[in-house]
Amino acid sequence: MKKIAFLLMAVFLLNGCAAMFNGSSQQVSIRSKDPKAKIYVNDAYLGDGNVVTTFKKKEKYTIRVEQDNCEAVTMPVSKSFDATTLLGLFIDFGIVSILVVDGVGTGAWQQFDQTNYIVDAQCSS
């Protein structure tokens, strides 16, 4: 019985609240008005016009949209603090759950400010 209780407690303590409730990644949709516009994330080509991808909260991202005869547009993806992380204060005063798991381990203490982007290249009329 003690082994089961210890195992359950270890699993519970090794999960941060933000990682448990909101995960360590978010699905993001990137669209352009022109279906032929090329969409890149961190210089990796993802597709034309509309793209759905997954961003890991621990990573930094930049979106770039290119279109023929137009100037490319680049925008950084912003993040903010995920308040769900603070629930870790009730588990272990935040020492492991917030600092180690949600912060260093998964980056789950942040969330992306937007999950839908509409980005168009700068075309002169």
N, C-alpha and C. Protein backbone atom coordinates (compact mmCIF):
# COMPACT_ATOMS: atom_id res chain seq x y z
N MET A 1 0.82 -1.20 0.00
CA MET A 1 0.00 0.00 0.00
C MET A 1 0.87 1.27 0.00
N LYS A 2 1.97 1.22 0.76
CA LYS A 2 2.86 2.38 0.82
C LYS A 2 3.50 2.64 -0.54
N LYS A 3 3.83 1.56 -1.26
CA LYS A 3 4.44 1.72 -2.58
C LYS A 3 3.48 2.39 -3.56
N ILE A 4 2.23 2.01 -3.52
CA ILE A 4 1.23 2.60 -4.41
C ILE A 4 1.02 4.07 -4.07
N ALA A 5 0.94 4.37 -2.79
CA ALA A 5 0.77 5.76 -2.37
C ALA A 5 1.97 6.59 -2.78
N PHE A 6 3.18 6.04 -2.61
CA PHE A 6 4.39 6.76 -3.00
C PHE A 6 4.43 6.99 -4.51
N LEU A 7 4.06 5.96 -5.28
CA LEU A 7 4.06 6.07 -6.73
C LEU A 7 3.06 7.13 -7.21
N LEU A 8 1.86 7.12 -6.66
CA LEU A 8 0.85 8.13 -7.02
C LEU A 8 1.31 9.53 -6.65
N MET A 9 1.93 9.67 -5.50
CA MET A 9 2.41 10.97 -5.06
C MET A 9 3.55 11.46 -5.96
N ALA A 10 4.44 10.56 -6.35
CA ALA A 10 5.55 10.94 -7.23
C ALA A 10 5.05 11.39 -8.59
N VAL A 11 4.09 10.66 -9.15
CA VAL A 11 3.53 11.05 -10.45
C VAL A 11 2.84 12.40 -10.33
N PHE A 12 2.11 12.62 -9.27
CA PHE A 12 1.40 13.88 -9.08
C PHE A 12 2.37 15.04 -8.91
N LEU A 13 3.44 14.84 -8.17
CA LEU A 13 4.40 15.91 -7.92
C LEU A 13 5.29 16.21 -9.13
N LEU A 14 5.45 15.25 -10.02
CA LEU A 14 6.32 15.47 -11.17
C LEU A 14 5.57 16.06 -12.37
N ASN A 15 4.35 16.46 -12.15
CA ASN A 15 3.57 17.17 -13.18
C ASN A 15 3.29 18.57 -12.69
N GLY A 16 3.58 19.54 -13.51
CA GLY A 16 3.22 20.90 -13.17
C GLY A 16 1.76 21.14 -13.53
N CYS A 17 1.13 22.06 -12.85
CA CYS A 17 -0.29 22.30 -13.08
C CYS A 17 -0.57 22.80 -14.50
N ALA A 18 0.23 23.71 -15.00
CA ALA A 18 0.00 24.22 -16.35
C ALA A 18 0.19 23.10 -17.37
N ALA A 19 1.18 22.24 -17.14
CA ALA A 19 1.41 21.12 -18.05
C ALA A 19 0.27 20.12 -17.97
N MET A 20 -0.25 19.88 -16.77
CA MET A 20 -1.35 18.93 -16.60
C MET A 20 -2.63 19.44 -17.26
N PHE A 21 -2.99 20.68 -17.00
CA PHE A 21 -4.28 21.20 -17.45
C PHE A 21 -4.26 21.75 -18.87
N ASN A 22 -3.18 22.39 -19.28
CA ASN A 22 -3.13 23.05 -20.59
C ASN A 22 -2.11 22.46 -21.55
N GLY A 23 -1.33 21.50 -21.11
CA GLY A 23 -0.35 20.87 -21.99
C GLY A 23 0.89 21.72 -22.19
N SER A 24 1.85 21.14 -22.91
CA SER A 24 3.11 21.84 -23.16
C SER A 24 3.20 22.34 -24.60
N SER A 25 2.09 22.25 -25.34
CA SER A 25 2.06 22.77 -26.70
C SER A 25 0.65 23.29 -27.01
N GLN A 26 0.56 24.09 -28.06
CA GLN A 26 -0.72 24.65 -28.48
C GLN A 26 -0.84 24.53 -30.00
N GLN A 27 -2.04 24.26 -30.46
CA GLN A 27 -2.30 24.21 -31.89
C GLN A 27 -2.53 25.63 -32.39
N VAL A 28 -1.90 25.97 -33.51
CA VAL A 28 -1.94 27.32 -34.05
C VAL A 28 -2.36 27.27 -35.52
N SER A 29 -3.23 28.19 -35.90
CA SER A 29 -3.69 28.31 -37.29
C SER A 29 -3.12 29.59 -37.88
N ILE A 30 -2.52 29.47 -39.07
CA ILE A 30 -1.95 30.63 -39.76
C ILE A 30 -2.61 30.70 -41.14
N ARG A 31 -3.19 31.86 -41.45
CA ARG A 31 -3.90 32.03 -42.72
C ARG A 31 -3.42 33.29 -43.44
N SER A 32 -3.57 33.26 -44.75
CA SER A 32 -3.32 34.42 -45.58
C SER A 32 -4.51 34.57 -46.52
N LYS A 33 -4.81 35.81 -46.89
CA LYS A 33 -5.93 36.04 -47.82
C LYS A 33 -5.66 35.44 -49.18
N ASP A 34 -4.40 35.40 -49.58
CA ASP A 34 -4.02 34.83 -50.87
C ASP A 34 -3.70 33.34 -50.68
N PRO A 35 -4.42 32.47 -51.34
CA PRO A 35 -4.15 31.03 -51.18
C PRO A 35 -2.80 30.59 -51.72
N LYS A 36 -2.12 31.46 -52.49
CA LYS A 36 -0.80 31.12 -53.03
C LYS A 36 0.35 31.62 -52.16
N ALA A 37 0.03 32.36 -51.09
CA ALA A 37 1.08 32.89 -50.21
C ALA A 37 1.79 31.74 -49.50
N LYS A 38 3.10 31.82 -49.45
CA LYS A 38 3.90 30.78 -48.81
C LYS A 38 4.09 31.13 -47.34
N ILE A 39 3.81 30.17 -46.46
CA ILE A 39 3.88 30.38 -45.01
C ILE A 39 5.06 29.61 -44.45
N TYR A 40 5.89 30.35 -43.69
CA TYR A 40 7.07 29.77 -43.05
C TYR A 40 6.99 30.02 -41.55
N VAL A 41 7.46 29.05 -40.77
CA VAL A 41 7.61 29.24 -39.33
C VAL A 41 9.05 28.88 -39.00
N ASN A 42 9.77 29.82 -38.41
CA ASN A 42 11.19 29.65 -38.11
C ASN A 42 11.96 29.18 -39.37
N ASP A 43 11.67 29.82 -40.49
CA ASP A 43 12.31 29.56 -41.77
C ASP A 43 12.02 28.17 -42.36
N ALA A 44 11.09 27.44 -41.77
CA ALA A 44 10.69 26.14 -42.33
C ALA A 44 9.36 26.33 -43.07
N TYR A 45 9.34 25.93 -44.31
CA TYR A 45 8.14 26.06 -45.14
C TYR A 45 7.06 25.10 -44.64
N LEU A 46 5.85 25.65 -44.36
CA LEU A 46 4.75 24.81 -43.88
C LEU A 46 3.65 24.59 -44.91
N GLY A 47 3.49 25.52 -45.83
CA GLY A 47 2.44 25.34 -46.83
C GLY A 47 2.00 26.66 -47.42
N ASP A 48 0.96 26.60 -48.25
CA ASP A 48 0.42 27.78 -48.92
C ASP A 48 -0.96 28.12 -48.36
N GLY A 49 -1.23 29.41 -48.19
CA GLY A 49 -2.57 29.90 -47.84
C GLY A 49 -3.02 29.68 -46.43
N ASN A 50 -3.33 28.45 -46.06
CA ASN A 50 -3.80 28.11 -44.71
C ASN A 50 -2.97 26.97 -44.14
N VAL A 51 -2.52 27.13 -42.90
CA VAL A 51 -1.70 26.11 -42.26
C VAL A 51 -2.15 25.95 -40.81
N VAL A 52 -2.20 24.71 -40.36
CA VAL A 52 -2.43 24.43 -38.94
C VAL A 52 -1.22 23.65 -38.46
N THR A 53 -0.63 24.10 -37.36
CA THR A 53 0.57 23.46 -36.83
C THR A 53 0.54 23.47 -35.30
N THR A 54 1.49 22.84 -34.69
CA THR A 54 1.58 22.80 -33.24
C THR A 54 2.85 23.50 -32.80
N PHE A 55 2.70 24.44 -31.87
CA PHE A 55 3.83 25.15 -31.29
C PHE A 55 4.10 24.62 -29.89
N LYS A 56 5.35 24.30 -29.61
CA LYS A 56 5.74 23.91 -28.26
C LYS A 56 5.93 25.18 -27.44
N LYS A 57 5.40 25.20 -26.25
CA LYS A 57 5.45 26.41 -25.42
C LYS A 57 6.87 26.79 -25.03
N LYS A 58 7.76 25.82 -25.04
CA LYS A 58 9.14 26.08 -24.63
C LYS A 58 9.95 26.78 -25.72
N GLU A 59 9.49 26.72 -26.96
CA GLU A 59 10.23 27.26 -28.10
C GLU A 59 9.78 28.67 -28.46
N LYS A 60 10.64 29.38 -29.21
CA LYS A 60 10.30 30.70 -29.75
C LYS A 60 9.99 30.53 -31.24
N TYR A 61 9.02 31.29 -31.73
CA TYR A 61 8.60 31.15 -33.12
C TYR A 61 8.49 32.49 -33.81
N THR A 62 8.74 32.47 -35.12
CA THR A 62 8.56 33.63 -35.98
C THR A 62 7.82 33.16 -37.23
N ILE A 63 6.78 33.89 -37.59
CA ILE A 63 5.98 33.56 -38.77
C ILE A 63 6.40 34.50 -39.90
N ARG A 64 6.58 33.93 -41.10
CA ARG A 64 6.90 34.74 -42.27
C ARG A 64 5.98 34.33 -43.41
N VAL A 65 5.42 35.32 -44.10
CA VAL A 65 4.57 35.06 -45.26
C VAL A 65 5.19 35.74 -46.47
N GLU A 66 5.34 34.99 -47.55
CA GLU A 66 5.91 35.50 -48.79
C GLU A 66 4.91 35.30 -49.92
N GLN A 67 4.94 36.22 -50.85
CA GLN A 67 4.04 36.16 -52.00
C GLN A 67 4.77 36.75 -53.19
N ASP A 68 4.51 36.23 -54.37
CA ASP A 68 5.17 36.74 -55.59
C ASP A 68 4.88 38.23 -55.77
N ASN A 69 5.91 38.96 -56.15
CA ASN A 69 5.82 40.41 -56.42
C ASN A 69 5.37 41.22 -55.19
N CYS A 70 5.61 40.71 -54.01
CA CYS A 70 5.25 41.42 -52.77
C CYS A 70 6.42 41.34 -51.78
N GLU A 71 6.38 42.23 -50.81
CA GLU A 71 7.38 42.23 -49.76
C GLU A 71 6.95 41.26 -48.66
N ALA A 72 7.87 40.39 -48.24
CA ALA A 72 7.57 39.41 -47.20
C ALA A 72 7.28 40.11 -45.88
N VAL A 73 6.41 39.51 -45.07
CA VAL A 73 6.08 40.04 -43.75
C VAL A 73 6.48 39.00 -42.71
N THR A 74 7.21 39.45 -41.71
CA THR A 74 7.66 38.58 -40.62
C THR A 74 7.09 39.11 -39.32
N MET A 75 6.57 38.20 -38.49
CA MET A 75 6.06 38.62 -37.18
C MET A 75 6.45 37.60 -36.12
N PRO A 76 6.90 38.10 -34.96
CA PRO A 76 7.22 37.18 -33.86
C PRO A 76 5.93 36.72 -33.20
N VAL A 77 5.97 35.53 -32.64
CA VAL A 77 4.84 34.97 -31.91
C VAL A 77 5.06 35.29 -30.43
N SER A 78 4.10 35.97 -29.83
CA SER A 78 4.27 36.41 -28.43
C SER A 78 3.62 35.43 -27.45
N LYS A 79 4.16 35.43 -26.24
CA LYS A 79 3.66 34.56 -25.17
C LYS A 79 3.46 35.39 -23.91
N SER A 80 2.64 34.85 -23.01
CA SER A 80 2.45 35.48 -21.71
C SER A 80 2.36 34.39 -20.63
N PHE A 81 2.37 34.79 -19.40
CA PHE A 81 2.33 33.87 -18.27
C PHE A 81 0.98 33.16 -18.21
N ASP A 82 1.00 31.85 -17.99
CA ASP A 82 -0.22 31.06 -17.82
C ASP A 82 -0.52 30.96 -16.33
N ALA A 83 -1.60 31.59 -15.90
CA ALA A 83 -1.94 31.66 -14.48
C ALA A 83 -2.23 30.29 -13.87
N THR A 84 -2.54 29.29 -14.67
CA THR A 84 -2.77 27.94 -14.16
C THR A 84 -1.53 27.42 -13.44
N THR A 85 -0.38 27.92 -13.81
CA THR A 85 0.88 27.53 -13.19
C THR A 85 0.86 27.75 -11.68
N LEU A 86 0.17 28.78 -11.26
CA LEU A 86 0.15 29.12 -9.82
C LEU A 86 -0.51 28.06 -8.96
N LEU A 87 -1.27 27.16 -9.55
CA LEU A 87 -1.85 26.06 -8.77
C LEU A 87 -0.76 25.18 -8.17
N GLY A 88 0.43 25.21 -8.74
CA GLY A 88 1.55 24.45 -8.21
C GLY A 88 1.93 24.87 -6.81
N LEU A 89 1.55 26.07 -6.40
CA LEU A 89 1.82 26.52 -5.03
C LEU A 89 1.11 25.62 -4.01
N PHE A 90 -0.02 25.05 -4.38
CA PHE A 90 -0.77 24.18 -3.48
C PHE A 90 -0.20 22.76 -3.42
N ILE A 91 0.55 22.38 -4.44
CA ILE A 91 1.09 21.02 -4.48
C ILE A 91 2.38 20.92 -3.68
N ASP A 92 3.36 21.72 -4.02
CA ASP A 92 4.67 21.63 -3.37
C ASP A 92 5.28 23.01 -3.17
N PHE A 93 4.44 23.98 -2.94
CA PHE A 93 4.84 25.38 -2.81
C PHE A 93 5.53 25.89 -4.07
N GLY A 94 5.31 25.19 -5.18
CA GLY A 94 5.83 25.62 -6.47
C GLY A 94 7.27 25.28 -6.74
N ILE A 95 7.94 24.66 -5.79
CA ILE A 95 9.37 24.41 -5.94
C ILE A 95 9.66 23.48 -7.12
N VAL A 96 8.99 22.34 -7.18
CA VAL A 96 9.21 21.40 -8.28
C VAL A 96 8.22 21.66 -9.40
N SER A 97 6.95 21.77 -9.06
CA SER A 97 5.91 21.85 -10.10
C SER A 97 6.02 23.11 -10.95
N ILE A 98 6.34 24.24 -10.36
CA ILE A 98 6.43 25.48 -11.14
C ILE A 98 7.83 25.66 -11.72
N LEU A 99 8.84 25.65 -10.88
CA LEU A 99 10.19 25.97 -11.34
C LEU A 99 10.78 24.90 -12.25
N VAL A 100 10.63 23.64 -11.88
CA VAL A 100 11.29 22.57 -12.63
C VAL A 100 10.42 22.08 -13.79
N VAL A 101 9.18 21.68 -13.50
CA VAL A 101 8.34 21.06 -14.53
C VAL A 101 7.78 22.09 -15.49
N ASP A 102 6.99 23.05 -14.97
CA ASP A 102 6.35 24.02 -15.86
C ASP A 102 7.35 25.00 -16.46
N GLY A 103 8.39 25.32 -15.74
CA GLY A 103 9.35 26.30 -16.24
C GLY A 103 10.42 25.69 -17.12
N VAL A 104 11.35 25.00 -16.51
CA VAL A 104 12.50 24.48 -17.24
C VAL A 104 12.14 23.28 -18.11
N GLY A 105 11.35 22.37 -17.59
CA GLY A 105 11.06 21.13 -18.30
C GLY A 105 10.19 21.27 -19.52
N THR A 106 9.03 21.91 -19.38
CA THR A 106 8.06 21.94 -20.48
C THR A 106 7.78 23.32 -21.04
N GLY A 107 8.12 24.36 -20.31
CA GLY A 107 7.79 25.71 -20.74
C GLY A 107 6.31 26.02 -20.62
N ALA A 108 5.57 25.14 -19.93
CA ALA A 108 4.11 25.27 -19.85
C ALA A 108 3.68 26.47 -19.01
N TRP A 109 4.59 27.15 -18.35
CA TRP A 109 4.17 28.32 -17.57
C TRP A 109 3.90 29.52 -18.47
N GLN A 110 4.07 29.31 -19.78
CA GLN A 110 3.74 30.33 -20.76
C GLN A 110 2.62 29.82 -21.65
N GLN A 111 1.90 30.74 -22.25
CA GLN A 111 0.91 30.37 -23.26
C GLN A 111 1.03 31.36 -24.40
N PHE A 112 0.69 30.92 -25.60
CA PHE A 112 0.75 31.81 -26.74
C PHE A 112 -0.42 32.78 -26.67
N ASP A 113 -0.14 34.05 -26.94
CA ASP A 113 -1.17 35.08 -26.85
C ASP A 113 -2.25 34.90 -27.92
N GLN A 114 -1.88 34.33 -29.05
CA GLN A 114 -2.82 34.09 -30.13
C GLN A 114 -2.66 32.66 -30.61
N THR A 115 -3.76 32.06 -31.06
CA THR A 115 -3.68 30.75 -31.69
C THR A 115 -4.19 30.81 -33.13
N ASN A 116 -4.65 31.98 -33.56
CA ASN A 116 -5.08 32.19 -34.94
C ASN A 116 -4.40 33.44 -35.47
N TYR A 117 -3.72 33.30 -36.60
CA TYR A 117 -3.03 34.42 -37.21
C TYR A 117 -3.51 34.61 -38.64
N ILE A 118 -3.73 35.84 -39.03
CA ILE A 118 -3.99 36.19 -40.43
C ILE A 118 -2.86 37.13 -40.82
N VAL A 119 -1.99 36.66 -41.70
CA VAL A 119 -0.80 37.41 -42.09
C VAL A 119 -0.77 37.50 -43.61
N ASP A 120 -0.62 38.70 -44.12
CA ASP A 120 -0.54 38.91 -45.56
C ASP A 120 0.73 39.65 -45.92
N ALA A 121 1.33 39.27 -47.04
CA ALA A 121 2.51 39.98 -47.54
C ALA A 121 2.13 41.40 -47.94
N GLN A 122 3.11 42.31 -47.91
CA GLN A 122 2.88 43.71 -48.29
C GLN A 122 2.97 43.85 -49.81
N CYS A 123 1.84 44.06 -50.44
CA CYS A 123 1.83 44.21 -51.89
C CYS A 123 1.48 45.66 -52.23
N SER A 124 2.23 46.22 -53.16
CA SER A 124 1.91 47.58 -53.59
C SER A 124 0.82 47.52 -54.66
N SER A 125 -0.11 48.43 -54.56
CA SER A 125 -1.25 48.40 -55.50
C SER A 125 -0.93 49.01 -56.81
